[in-house]
Amino acid sequence: MRILTFTFIATIAVAIVTLLVALPSGGSVRTCDRVCLNGFVDRYLDALATHDPGRLPVTRDVRFTENGQRLELGDGLWNTMAGEGGY
């Protein structure tokens, strides 16, 4: 019984440590409220309309998909978008 209790406690401790290590540090978390999100959407649509994905503030390893297919950022809709509509 003691071995089971020790094993259980050790398993829980390892799980907690793993979760704590996986969490981002407090200094690296950025918040983005509604105004921030609206600004990002505006920038995204502007970049789409001008066919210029380089205007987006994204990381180098960003993933872009259309209809479940992974594409390079700048392919797909980026080539055919004629302009912004109302949203």
Protein backbone atom coordinates (compact mmCIF):
# COMPACT_ATOMS: atom_id res chain seq x y z
CA MET A 1 0.00 0.00 0.00
CA ARG A 2 2.84 2.37 0.82
CA ILE A 3 4.45 1.71 -2.55
CA LEU A 4 1.19 2.55 -4.34
CA THR A 5 0.79 5.75 -2.31
CA PHE A 6 4.38 6.78 -3.01
CA THR A 7 4.01 5.98 -6.72
CA PHE A 8 0.77 7.96 -6.90
CA ILE A 9 2.32 10.99 -5.15
CA ALA A 10 5.44 10.80 -7.33
CA THR A 11 3.31 10.63 -10.49
CA ILE A 12 1.27 13.66 -9.42
CA ALA A 13 4.45 15.59 -8.57
CA VAL A 14 5.99 14.83 -11.97
CA ALA A 15 2.77 15.89 -13.71
CA ILE A 16 2.67 19.19 -11.80
CA VAL A 17 6.32 19.96 -12.53
CA THR A 18 5.78 19.15 -16.22
CA LEU A 19 2.80 21.49 -16.39
CA LEU A 20 4.67 24.29 -14.64
CA VAL A 21 7.63 23.96 -16.99
CA ALA A 22 5.29 24.00 -20.02
CA LEU A 23 3.53 27.21 -18.95
CA PRO A 24 4.85 30.44 -20.48
CA SER A 25 6.70 32.79 -18.18
CA GLY A 26 4.75 35.80 -16.94
CA GLY A 27 6.83 38.27 -18.95
CA SER A 28 6.19 36.68 -22.34
CA VAL A 29 2.39 36.71 -22.28
CA ARG A 30 0.77 39.48 -24.33
CA THR A 31 -2.85 40.39 -24.06
CA CYS A 32 -4.92 41.44 -27.02
CA ASP A 33 -8.31 42.98 -26.32
CA ARG A 34 -11.10 43.69 -28.82
CA VAL A 35 -9.42 46.85 -30.17
CA CYS A 36 -6.17 44.94 -30.67
CA LEU A 37 -7.97 42.10 -32.49
CA ASN A 38 -9.87 44.55 -34.71
CA GLY A 39 -6.58 46.22 -35.58
CA PHE A 40 -5.06 42.87 -36.51
CA VAL A 41 -8.05 42.03 -38.74
CA ASP A 42 -7.75 45.43 -40.45
CA ARG A 43 -4.05 44.84 -41.10
CA TYR A 44 -4.74 41.31 -42.35
CA LEU A 45 -7.40 42.51 -44.80
CA ASP A 46 -5.18 45.37 -46.00
CA ALA A 47 -2.36 42.90 -46.63
CA LEU A 48 -4.76 40.56 -48.47
CA ALA A 49 -6.10 43.37 -50.67
CA THR A 50 -2.58 44.43 -51.66
CA HIS A 51 -1.38 40.81 -52.04
CA ASP A 52 1.46 41.52 -49.60
CA PRO A 53 1.74 39.01 -46.71
CA GLY A 54 4.98 40.68 -45.64
CA ARG A 55 2.90 43.43 -44.04
CA LEU A 56 1.60 41.03 -41.38
CA PRO A 57 3.15 40.84 -37.92
CA VAL A 58 3.58 37.04 -37.89
CA THR A 59 6.42 34.72 -36.99
CA ARG A 60 8.51 32.91 -39.57
CA ASP A 61 6.91 29.59 -38.71
CA VAL A 62 3.31 30.78 -39.15
CA ARG A 63 0.97 28.16 -40.63
CA PHE A 64 -1.59 29.13 -43.25
CA THR A 65 -4.37 26.82 -44.43
CA GLU A 66 -7.32 27.07 -46.79
CA ASN A 67 -9.98 24.35 -46.84
CA GLY A 68 -7.78 22.14 -44.69
CA GLN A 69 -4.81 22.38 -47.07
CA ARG A 70 -1.58 23.87 -45.80
CA LEU A 71 -0.31 26.62 -48.09
CA GLU A 72 2.52 29.10 -48.01
CA LEU A 73 1.48 32.49 -46.69
CA GLY A 74 0.80 34.46 -49.85
CA ASP A 75 -0.79 31.61 -51.82
CA GLY A 76 -4.47 30.80 -52.35
CA LEU A 77 -6.80 33.67 -51.53
CA TRP A 78 -3.81 36.01 -51.42
CA ASN A 79 -3.57 35.73 -55.21
CA THR A 80 -7.27 36.21 -55.99
CA MET A 81 -8.56 38.76 -53.48
CA ALA A 82 -9.90 41.78 -55.37
CA GLY A 83 -10.46 44.15 -52.44
CA GLU A 84 -11.97 44.61 -49.03
CA GLY A 85 -15.68 44.40 -48.47
CA GLY A 86 -17.60 45.56 -45.45
CA TYR A 87 -17.35 43.62 -42.26
